[in-house]
C-alpha atoms as a PDB file:
ATOM      1  CA  UNK A   1       0.000   0.000   0.000  1.00  0.00           C
ATOM      2  CA  UNK A   2       1.248   3.458  -0.863  1.00  0.00           C
ATOM      3  CA  UNK A   3       1.949   5.805   2.018  1.00  0.00           C
ATOM      4  CA  UNK A   4      -0.602   8.653   1.661  1.00  0.00           C
ATOM      5  CA  UNK A   5       1.923  11.216   2.880  1.00  0.00           C
ATOM      6  CA  UNK A   6       4.489  10.096   0.300  1.00  0.00           C
ATOM      7  CA  UNK A   7       1.818  10.120  -2.392  1.00  0.00           C
ATOM      8  CA  UNK A   8       0.849  13.669  -1.507  1.00  0.00           C
ATOM      9  CA  UNK A   9       4.482  14.783  -1.642  1.00  0.00           C
ATOM     10  CA  UNK A  10       4.950  13.184  -5.049  1.00  0.00           C
ATOM     11  CA  UNK A  11       1.797  14.775  -6.471  1.00  0.00           C
ATOM     12  CA  UNK A  12       2.777  18.163  -5.065  1.00  0.00           C
ATOM     13  CA  UNK A  13       6.297  17.829  -6.499  1.00  0.00           C
ATOM     14  CA  UNK A  14       4.918  16.900  -9.910  1.00  0.00           C
ATOM     15  CA  UNK A  15       2.656  19.953  -9.951  1.00  0.00           C
ATOM     16  CA  UNK A  16       5.533  22.159  -8.829  1.00  0.00           C
ATOM     17  CA  UNK A  17       7.746  20.820 -11.595  1.00  0.00           C
ATOM     18  CA  UNK A  18       5.081  21.571 -14.184  1.00  0.00           C
ATOM     19  CA  UNK A  19       4.863  25.133 -12.884  1.00  0.00           C
ATOM     20  CA  UNK A  20       8.649  25.483 -13.035  1.00  0.00           C
ATOM     21  CA  UNK A  21       8.671  24.202 -16.608  1.00  0.00           C
ATOM     22  CA  UNK A  22       5.983  26.641 -17.739  1.00  0.00           C
ATOM     23  CA  UNK A  23       7.706  29.514 -15.944  1.00  0.00           C
ATOM     24  CA  UNK A  24      11.047  28.779 -17.578  1.00  0.00           C
ATOM     25  CA  UNK A  25       9.559  28.456 -21.044  1.00  0.00           C
ATOM     26  CA  UNK A  26       7.592  31.690 -20.575  1.00  0.00           C
ATOM     27  CA  UNK A  27      10.726  33.501 -19.414  1.00  0.00           C
ATOM     28  CA  UNK A  28      12.742  32.207 -22.367  1.00  0.00           C
ATOM     29  CA  UNK A  29      10.044  33.236 -24.839  1.00  0.00           C
ATOM     30  CA  UNK A  30       9.865  36.661 -23.199  1.00  0.00           C
ATOM     31  CA  UNK A  31      13.609  37.133 -23.624  1.00  0.00           C
ATOM     32  CA  UNK A  32      13.346  36.083 -27.266  1.00  0.00           C
ATOM     33  CA  UNK A  33      10.512  38.522 -27.927  1.00  0.00           C
ATOM     34  CA  UNK A  34      12.410  41.297 -26.174  1.00  0.00           C
ATOM     35  CA  UNK A  35      15.415  40.717 -28.403  1.00  0.00           C
ATOM     36  CA  UNK A  36      13.230  40.715 -31.469  1.00  0.00           C
ATOM     37  CA  UNK A  37      11.771  44.130 -30.604  1.00  0.00           C
ATOM     38  CA  UNK A  38      15.167  45.763 -30.315  1.00  0.00           C
ATOM     39  CA  UNK A  39      16.010  48.259 -33.033  1.00  0.00           C
ATOM     40  CA  UNK A  40      17.780  46.687 -35.953  1.00  0.00           C
ATOM     41  CA  UNK A  41      21.329  47.937 -36.550  1.00  0.00           C
ATOM     42  CA  UNK A  42      21.758  50.413 -39.346  1.00  0.00           C
ATOM     43  CA  UNK A  43      22.760  48.770 -42.556  1.00  0.00           C
ATOM     44  CA  UNK A  44      26.195  49.552 -43.917  1.00  0.00           C
ATOM     45  CA  UNK A  45      26.817  50.237 -47.583  1.00  0.00           C
ATOM     46  CA  UNK A  46      27.245  46.997 -49.451  1.00  0.00           C
ATOM     47  CA  UNK A  47      30.690  46.290 -50.821  1.00  0.00           C
ATOM     48  CA  UNK A  48      30.901  46.592 -54.574  1.00  0.00           C
ATOM     49  CA  UNK A  49      31.094  43.282 -56.349  1.00  0.00           C
ATOM     50  CA  UNK A  50      32.840  42.845 -59.728  1.00  0.00           C
ATOM     51  CA  UNK A  51      29.412  42.984 -61.400  1.00  0.00           C
ATOM     52  CA  UNK A  52      28.416  46.299 -59.800  1.00  0.00           C
ATOM     53  CA  UNK A  53      31.848  47.728 -60.539  1.00  0.00           C
ATOM     54  CA  UNK A  54      31.418  46.902 -64.195  1.00  0.00           C
ATOM     55  CA  UNK A  55      28.048  48.683 -64.221  1.00  0.00           C
ATOM     56  CA  UNK A  56      29.534  51.816 -62.657  1.00  0.00           C
ATOM     57  CA  UNK A  57      32.494  51.719 -65.002  1.00  0.00           C
ATOM     58  CA  UNK A  58      35.044  50.863 -62.306  1.00  0.00           C
ATOM     59  CA  UNK A  59      37.669  48.176 -62.591  1.00  0.00           C
ATOM     60  CA  UNK A  60      36.991  45.097 -60.450  1.00  0.00           C
ATOM     61  CA  UNK A  61      39.107  45.014 -57.306  1.00  0.00           C
ATOM     62  CA  UNK A  62      40.568  41.536 -57.653  1.00  0.00           C
ATOM     63  CA  UNK A  63      42.624  41.885 -54.479  1.00  0.00           C
ATOM     64  CA  UNK A  64      39.574  42.676 -52.363  1.00  0.00           C
ATOM     65  CA  UNK A  65      37.669  39.805 -53.949  1.00  0.00           C
ATOM     66  CA  UNK A  66      40.423  37.320 -53.157  1.00  0.00           C
ATOM     67  CA  UNK A  67      40.720  38.727 -49.655  1.00  0.00           C
ATOM     68  CA  UNK A  68      37.002  38.206 -49.093  1.00  0.00           C
ATOM     69  CA  UNK A  69      37.204  34.623 -50.307  1.00  0.00           C
ATOM     70  CA  UNK A  70      40.147  33.880 -48.029  1.00  0.00           C
ATOM     71  CA  UNK A  71      38.338  35.492 -45.096  1.00  0.00           C
ATOM     72  CA  UNK A  72      35.271  33.339 -45.713  1.00  0.00           C
ATOM     73  CA  UNK A  73      37.404  30.198 -45.824  1.00  0.00           C
ATOM     74  CA  UNK A  74      39.099  31.151 -42.577  1.00  0.00           C
ATOM     75  CA  UNK A  75      35.772  31.730 -40.829  1.00  0.00           C
ATOM     76  CA  UNK A  76      34.407  28.394 -42.066  1.00  0.00           C
ATOM     77  CA  UNK A  77      37.466  26.456 -40.914  1.00  0.00           C
ATOM     78  CA  UNK A  78      37.631  28.132 -37.500  1.00  0.00           C
ATOM     79  CA  UNK A  79      34.388  26.540 -36.360  1.00  0.00           C
ATOM     80  CA  UNK A  80      32.912  23.832 -38.613  1.00  0.00           C
ATOM     81  CA  UNK A  81      29.145  23.653 -38.250  1.00  0.00           C
ATOM     82  CA  UNK A  82      28.832  19.941 -37.730  1.00  0.00           C
ATOM     83  CA  UNK A  83      31.099  17.149 -38.831  1.00  0.00           C
ATOM     84  CA  UNK A  84      29.561  14.155 -37.119  1.00  0.00           C
ATOM     85  CA  UNK A  85      31.663  12.248 -34.627  1.00  0.00           C
ATOM     86  CA  UNK A  86      32.363   8.874 -36.251  1.00  0.00           C
ATOM     87  CA  UNK A  87      29.979  10.077 -38.999  1.00  0.00           C
ATOM     88  CA  UNK A  88      27.009   9.486 -36.661  1.00  0.00           C
ATOM     89  CA  UNK A  89      26.956  11.507 -33.428  1.00  0.00           C
ATOM     90  CA  UNK A  90      25.915  15.175 -33.891  1.00  0.00           C
ATOM     91  CA  UNK A  91      28.526  17.716 -32.896  1.00  0.00           C
ATOM     92  CA  UNK A  92      26.634  21.011 -33.161  1.00  0.00           C
ATOM     93  CA  UNK A  93      27.775  22.750 -29.990  1.00  0.00           C
ATOM     94  CA  UNK A  94      31.567  22.577 -30.306  1.00  0.00           C
ATOM     95  CA  UNK A  95      34.043  25.359 -31.001  1.00  0.00           C
ATOM     96  CA  UNK A  96      36.802  23.277 -32.530  1.00  0.00           C
ATOM     97  CA  UNK A  97      39.709  25.715 -32.668  1.00  0.00           C
ATOM     98  CA  UNK A  98      40.671  27.222 -29.277  1.00  0.00           C
ATOM     99  CA  UNK A  99      41.958  30.429 -30.907  1.00  0.00           C
ATOM    100  CA  UNK A 100      38.802  30.987 -32.976  1.00  0.00           C
ATOM    101  CA  UNK A 101      37.258  34.410 -32.426  1.00  0.00           C
ATOM    102  CA  UNK A 102      33.585  33.463 -32.266  1.00  0.00           C
ATOM    103  CA  UNK A 103      30.691  35.738 -31.432  1.00  0.00           C
ATOM    104  CA  UNK A 104      28.419  34.911 -28.464  1.00  0.00           C
ATOM    105  CA  UNK A 105      25.202  33.083 -29.284  1.00  0.00           C
ATOM    106  CA  UNK A 106      21.910  34.934 -29.287  1.00  0.00           C
ATOM    107  CA  UNK A 107      18.898  33.506 -27.455  1.00  0.00           C
ATOM    108  CA  UNK A 108      17.504  32.314 -30.779  1.00  0.00           C
ATOM    109  CA  UNK A 109      20.771  30.567 -31.662  1.00  0.00           C
ATOM    110  CA  UNK A 110      20.892  28.811 -28.291  1.00  0.00           C
ATOM    111  CA  UNK A 111      17.405  27.415 -28.800  1.00  0.00           C
ATOM    112  CA  UNK A 112      18.284  26.472 -32.384  1.00  0.00           C
ATOM    113  CA  UNK A 113      21.311  24.543 -31.127  1.00  0.00           C
ATOM    114  CA  UNK A 114      19.121  22.782 -28.589  1.00  0.00           C
ATOM    115  CA  UNK A 115      16.599  21.902 -31.299  1.00  0.00           C
ATOM    116  CA  UNK A 116      19.310  20.598 -33.623  1.00  0.00           C
ATOM    117  CA  UNK A 117      20.562  18.264 -30.924  1.00  0.00           C
ATOM    118  CA  UNK A 118      17.096  17.169 -29.783  1.00  0.00           C
ATOM    119  CA  UNK A 119      15.602  16.472 -33.211  1.00  0.00           C
ATOM    120  CA  UNK A 120      18.666  15.177 -34.996  1.00  0.00           C
ATOM    121  CA  UNK A 121      18.109  11.932 -36.913  1.00  0.00           C
ATOM    122  CA  UNK A 122      20.674  10.277 -34.629  1.00  0.00           C
ATOM    123  CA  UNK A 123      18.429  10.768 -31.570  1.00  0.00           C
ATOM    124  CA  UNK A 124      15.556   8.764 -33.108  1.00  0.00           C
ATOM    125  CA  UNK A 125      17.265   5.336 -33.301  1.00  0.00           C
ATOM    126  CA  UNK A 126      19.217   6.052 -30.104  1.00  0.00           C
ATOM    127  CA  UNK A 127      15.947   6.510 -28.210  1.00  0.00           C
ATOM    128  CA  UNK A 128      14.763   3.220 -29.695  1.00  0.00           C
ATOM    129  CA  UNK A 129      17.860   1.399 -28.451  1.00  0.00           C
ATOM    130  CA  UNK A 130      17.588   2.868 -24.955  1.00  0.00           C
ATOM    131  CA  UNK A 131      13.868   2.008 -24.858  1.00  0.00           C
ATOM    132  CA  UNK A 132      14.664  -1.574 -25.884  1.00  0.00           C
ATOM    133  CA  UNK A 133      17.175  -1.855 -23.047  1.00  0.00           C
ATOM    134  CA  UNK A 134      14.571  -0.505 -20.614  1.00  0.00           C
ATOM    135  CA  UNK A 135      12.075  -3.029 -21.977  1.00  0.00           C
ATOM    136  CA  UNK A 136      14.522  -5.880 -21.415  1.00  0.00           C
ATOM    137  CA  UNK A 137      15.208  -4.706 -17.865  1.00  0.00           C
ATOM    138  CA  UNK A 138      11.474  -4.128 -17.336  1.00  0.00           C
ATOM    139  CA  UNK A 139      12.104  -0.618 -16.074  1.00  0.00           C
ATOM    140  CA  UNK A 140       8.890   1.019 -14.914  1.00  0.00           C
ATOM    141  CA  UNK A 141       7.395  -2.439 -14.438  1.00  0.00           C
ATOM    142  CA  UNK A 142       3.809  -1.153 -14.320  1.00  0.00           C
ATOM    143  CA  UNK A 143       3.981  -0.564 -18.075  1.00  0.00           C
ATOM    144  CA  UNK A 144       4.460  -4.294 -18.563  1.00  0.00           C
ATOM    145  CA  UNK A 145       5.686  -5.816 -21.837  1.00  0.00           C
ATOM    146  CA  UNK A 146       4.607  -5.837 -25.472  1.00  0.00           C
ATOM    147  CA  UNK A 147       4.593  -3.212 -28.218  1.00  0.00           C
ATOM    148  CA  UNK A 148       2.343  -0.870 -26.276  1.00  0.00           C
ATOM    149  CA  UNK A 149       4.726  -0.847 -23.335  1.00  0.00           C
ATOM    150  CA  UNK A 150       7.677  -0.375 -25.688  1.00  0.00           C
ATOM    151  CA  UNK A 151       5.917   2.634 -27.231  1.00  0.00           C
ATOM    152  CA  UNK A 152       5.538   4.222 -23.802  1.00  0.00           C
ATOM    153  CA  UNK A 153       9.201   3.624 -22.997  1.00  0.00           C
ATOM    154  CA  UNK A 154      10.244   5.021 -26.365  1.00  0.00           C
ATOM    155  CA  UNK A 155       8.118   8.147 -25.900  1.00  0.00           C
ATOM    156  CA  UNK A 156       9.493   8.673 -22.388  1.00  0.00           C
ATOM    157  CA  UNK A 157      13.096   8.201 -23.560  1.00  0.00           C
ATOM    158  CA  UNK A 158      12.701  10.599 -26.470  1.00  0.00           C
ATOM    159  CA  UNK A 159      10.981  13.149 -24.226  1.00  0.00           C
ATOM    160  CA  UNK A 160      13.956  12.945 -21.851  1.00  0.00           C
ATOM    161  CA  UNK A 161      16.290  13.695 -24.774  1.00  0.00           C
ATOM    162  CA  UNK A 162      14.285  16.669 -26.045  1.00  0.00           C
ATOM    163  CA  UNK A 163      13.672  18.255 -22.636  1.00  0.00           C
ATOM    164  CA  UNK A 164      17.271  17.744 -21.518  1.00  0.00           C
ATOM    165  CA  UNK A 165      18.653  19.297 -24.707  1.00  0.00           C
ATOM    166  CA  UNK A 166      16.458  22.373 -24.483  1.00  0.00           C
ATOM    167  CA  UNK A 167      17.049  22.858 -20.751  1.00  0.00           C
ATOM    168  CA  UNK A 168      20.862  22.654 -20.893  1.00  0.00           C
ATOM    169  CA  UNK A 169      21.339  24.381 -24.248  1.00  0.00           C
ATOM    170  CA  UNK A 170      18.415  26.775 -24.639  1.00  0.00           C
ATOM    171  CA  UNK A 171      16.489  27.671 -21.491  1.00  0.00           C
ATOM    172  CA  UNK A 172      19.088  27.976 -18.727  1.00  0.00           C
ATOM    173  CA  UNK A 173      21.936  29.368 -20.892  1.00  0.00           C
ATOM    174  CA  UNK A 174      19.519  32.072 -22.095  1.00  0.00           C
ATOM    175  CA  UNK A 175      18.271  32.950 -18.614  1.00  0.00           C
ATOM    176  CA  UNK A 176      21.745  32.861 -17.049  1.00  0.00           C
ATOM    177  CA  UNK A 177      23.647  34.372 -20.015  1.00  0.00           C
ATOM    178  CA  UNK A 178      25.931  31.364 -20.383  1.00  0.00           C
ATOM    179  CA  UNK A 179      27.436  29.918 -23.542  1.00  0.00           C
ATOM    180  CA  UNK A 180      26.338  26.262 -23.893  1.00  0.00           C
ATOM    181  CA  UNK A 181      29.015  25.352 -26.434  1.00  0.00           C
ATOM    182  CA  UNK A 182      32.080  23.229 -25.716  1.00  0.00           C
ATOM    183  CA  UNK A 183      35.343  25.137 -26.269  1.00  0.00           C
ATOM    184  CA  UNK A 184      38.158  22.682 -26.930  1.00  0.00           C
ATOM    185  CA  UNK A 185      41.574  22.904 -25.340  1.00  0.00           C
ATOM    186  CA  UNK A 186      43.012  21.382 -28.497  1.00  0.00           C
ATOM    187  CA  UNK A 187      46.659  21.161 -27.393  1.00  0.00           C
ATOM    188  CA  UNK A 188      48.677  19.368 -24.741  1.00  0.00           C
ATOM    189  CA  UNK A 189      48.975  15.805 -23.487  1.00  0.00           C
ATOM    190  CA  UNK A 190      46.174  13.290 -23.234  1.00  0.00           C
ATOM    191  CA  UNK A 191      45.809  13.487 -19.448  1.00  0.00           C
ATOM    192  CA  UNK A 192      45.768  17.264 -19.402  1.00  0.00           C
ATOM    193  CA  UNK A 193      43.148  17.519 -22.130  1.00  0.00           C
ATOM    194  CA  UNK A 194      41.077  14.683 -20.718  1.00  0.00           C
ATOM    195  CA  UNK A 195      41.005  16.398 -17.332  1.00  0.00           C
ATOM    196  CA  UNK A 196      40.124  19.696 -18.996  1.00  0.00           C
ATOM    197  CA  UNK A 197      37.192  18.070 -20.821  1.00  0.00           C
ATOM    198  CA  UNK A 198      35.930  16.548 -17.582  1.00  0.00           C
ATOM    199  CA  UNK A 199      36.150  19.843 -15.681  1.00  0.00           C
ATOM    200  CA  UNK A 200      34.022  21.600 -18.342  1.00  0.00           C
ATOM    201  CA  UNK A 201      31.056  19.966 -16.630  1.00  0.00           C
ATOM    202  CA  UNK A 202      31.738  22.266 -13.683  1.00  0.00           C
ATOM    203  CA  UNK A 203      33.462  25.221 -15.344  1.00  0.00           C
ATOM    204  CA  UNK A 204      31.168  26.955 -17.804  1.00  0.00           C
ATOM    205  CA  UNK A 205      31.554  30.103 -19.869  1.00  0.00           C
ATOM    206  CA  UNK A 206      29.548  33.318 -19.873  1.00  0.00           C
ATOM    207  CA  UNK A 207      28.384  35.034 -23.038  1.00  0.00           C
ATOM    208  CA  UNK A 208      31.205  37.505 -22.414  1.00  0.00           C
ATOM    209  CA  UNK A 209      33.749  34.665 -22.516  1.00  0.00           C
ATOM    210  CA  UNK A 210      34.549  34.560 -18.794  1.00  0.00           C
ATOM    211  CA  UNK A 211      34.722  31.302 -16.779  1.00  0.00           C
ATOM    212  CA  UNK A 212      31.799  30.626 -14.468  1.00  0.00           C
ATOM    213  CA  UNK A 213      30.261  27.697 -12.620  1.00  0.00           C
ATOM    214  CA  UNK A 214      28.280  25.652 -15.140  1.00  0.00           C
ATOM    215  CA  UNK A 215      24.841  26.313 -13.684  1.00  0.00           C
ATOM    216  CA  UNK A 216      23.179  25.412 -16.974  1.00  0.00           C
ATOM    217  CA  UNK A 217      24.547  21.874 -16.905  1.00  0.00           C
ATOM    218  CA  UNK A 218      23.460  20.995 -13.389  1.00  0.00           C
ATOM    219  CA  UNK A 219      20.258  23.015 -13.152  1.00  0.00           C
ATOM    220  CA  UNK A 220      19.179  22.042 -16.660  1.00  0.00           C
ATOM    221  CA  UNK A 221      19.652  18.326 -16.112  1.00  0.00           C
ATOM    222  CA  UNK A 222      18.057  18.499 -12.647  1.00  0.00           C
ATOM    223  CA  UNK A 223      14.984  20.177 -14.124  1.00  0.00           C
ATOM    224  CA  UNK A 224      14.809  17.646 -16.963  1.00  0.00           C
ATOM    225  CA  UNK A 225      15.111  14.715 -14.525  1.00  0.00           C
ATOM    226  CA  UNK A 226      12.392  16.213 -12.343  1.00  0.00           C
ATOM    227  CA  UNK A 227      10.014  16.738 -15.257  1.00  0.00           C
ATOM    228  CA  UNK A 228      10.665  13.146 -16.330  1.00  0.00           C
ATOM    229  CA  UNK A 229       8.993  11.930 -13.135  1.00  0.00           C
ATOM    230  CA  UNK A 230       5.663  13.425 -14.227  1.00  0.00           C
ATOM    231  CA  UNK A 231       5.200  11.072 -17.198  1.00  0.00           C
ATOM    232  CA  UNK A 232       6.315   7.873 -15.467  1.00  0.00           C
ATOM    233  CA  UNK A 233       4.107   5.676 -13.315  1.00  0.00           C
ATOM    234  CA  UNK A 234       3.705   6.369  -9.599  1.00  0.00           C
ATOM    235  CA  UNK A 235       6.064   3.538  -8.696  1.00  0.00           C
ATOM    236  CA  UNK A 236       8.908   5.382 -10.428  1.00  0.00           C
ATOM    237  CA  UNK A 237       8.225   8.790  -8.924  1.00  0.00           C
ATOM    238  CA  UNK A 238      10.797   8.772  -6.170  1.00  0.00           C
ATOM    239  CA  UNK A 239      14.183  10.228  -5.353  1.00  0.00           C
ATOM    240  CA  UNK A 240      15.959   7.067  -6.492  1.00  0.00           C
ATOM    241  CA  UNK A 241      14.563   7.415 -10.039  1.00  0.00           C
ATOM    242  CA  UNK A 242      15.335  11.136 -10.056  1.00  0.00           C
ATOM    243  CA  UNK A 243      18.899  10.564  -8.878  1.00  0.00           C
ATOM    244  CA  UNK A 244      19.476   7.763 -11.372  1.00  0.00           C
ATOM    245  CA  UNK A 245      18.280   9.838 -14.336  1.00  0.00           C
ATOM    246  CA  UNK A 246      20.258  12.857 -13.152  1.00  0.00           C
ATOM    247  CA  UNK A 247      23.507  10.919 -12.658  1.00  0.00           C
ATOM    248  CA  UNK A 248      23.102   9.136 -15.988  1.00  0.00           C
ATOM    249  CA  UNK A 249      22.736  12.396 -17.917  1.00  0.00           C
ATOM    250  CA  UNK A 250      25.748  13.967 -16.179  1.00  0.00           C
ATOM    251  CA  UNK A 251      27.805  10.878 -17.066  1.00  0.00           C
ATOM    252  CA  UNK A 252      26.648  11.044 -20.706  1.00  0.00           C
ATOM    253  CA  UNK A 253      27.625  14.720 -20.902  1.00  0.00           C
ATOM    254  CA  UNK A 254      31.044  13.944 -19.415  1.00  0.00           C
ATOM    255  CA  UNK A 255      31.634  11.264 -22.057  1.00  0.00           C
ATOM    256  CA  UNK A 256      30.404  13.646 -24.764  1.00  0.00           C
ATOM    257  CA  UNK A 257      32.953  16.267 -23.678  1.00  0.00           C
ATOM    258  CA  UNK A 258      35.749  13.735 -24.080  1.00  0.00           C
ATOM    259  CA  UNK A 259      34.546  12.885 -27.589  1.00  0.00           C
ATOM    260  CA  UNK A 260      34.314  16.556 -28.537  1.00  0.00           C
ATOM    261  CA  UNK A 261      37.826  17.235 -27.256  1.00  0.00           C
ATOM    262  CA  UNK A 262      39.579  14.412 -29.077  1.00  0.00           C
ATOM    263  CA  UNK A 263      37.411  13.844 -32.149  1.00  0.00           C
ATOM    264  CA  UNK A 264      39.297  16.339 -34.392  1.00  0.00           C
ATOM    265  CA  UNK A 265      42.548  14.471 -33.605  1.00  0.00           C
ATOM    266  CA  UNK A 266      40.921  11.130 -34.429  1.00  0.00           C
ATOM    267  CA  UNK A 267      39.393  12.543 -37.617  1.00  0.00           C
ATOM    268  CA  UNK A 268      42.753  13.948 -38.733  1.00  0.00           C
ATOM    269  CA  UNK A 269      44.427  10.602 -38.133  1.00  0.00           C
ATOM    270  CA  UNK A 270      41.753   8.722 -40.082  1.00  0.00           C
ATOM    271  CA  UNK A 271      42.026  11.099 -43.041  1.00  0.00           C
ATOM    272  CA  UNK A 272      45.814  10.865 -42.918  1.00  0.00           C
ATOM    273  CA  UNK A 273      45.705   7.059 -43.057  1.00  0.00           C
ATOM    274  CA  UNK A 274      43.414   7.239 -46.082  1.00  0.00           C
END
């Protein structure tokens, strides 16, 4: 028999978590709207292209054209958008070159990065694999077995992925003015870089580029783990389930940091062998 006091606490916690979720989303949307209402910067005169120079009777500035091309190439190489780790795992939120001069992300860009990670094609089969493991272990036993139970586990797993991505990459970084990207060390010995990657769980970065405690990582994952309790059965709504989900996500993020740190070295070695 369920303890009525414990049941009341769980129901109250679930309602509180829903309120927190709605409050955070409302705050994030408010920030986005506020940014959108800001006055747009004055446009600068467009640089003359060879075509416009021909129309005006001027000689094309070949040096400026080449300089622009080289500048574009440099910008592209300083922070590749997404070369998938082992051609599979999305790598959207990584600044690959430590010396790259990158601009801070806007609120919109933070949410876009969260959406790219949450809805990437990689996350669909991954959620299926995790759900299959949960089915085999009979996690959340009240769901039972069969395709219907597997569907519930799949939906819960995918919801965990989406909520966690938005909380740690979009919502909390926007509210706390933190940069959710991973900035590689890129040089030094294996131990030094491995330790650096691990400490990035704790040491975050502000939008201004200054080191700060990584509130977004811990608060975002805690919120996501708490919300997860609301769509599981009552038997799973306890501190043990919360702690397990929370610890698992922190461990996954730690492993992801290691991959992000060393993947460019692995990629270079693979291309060199080819």
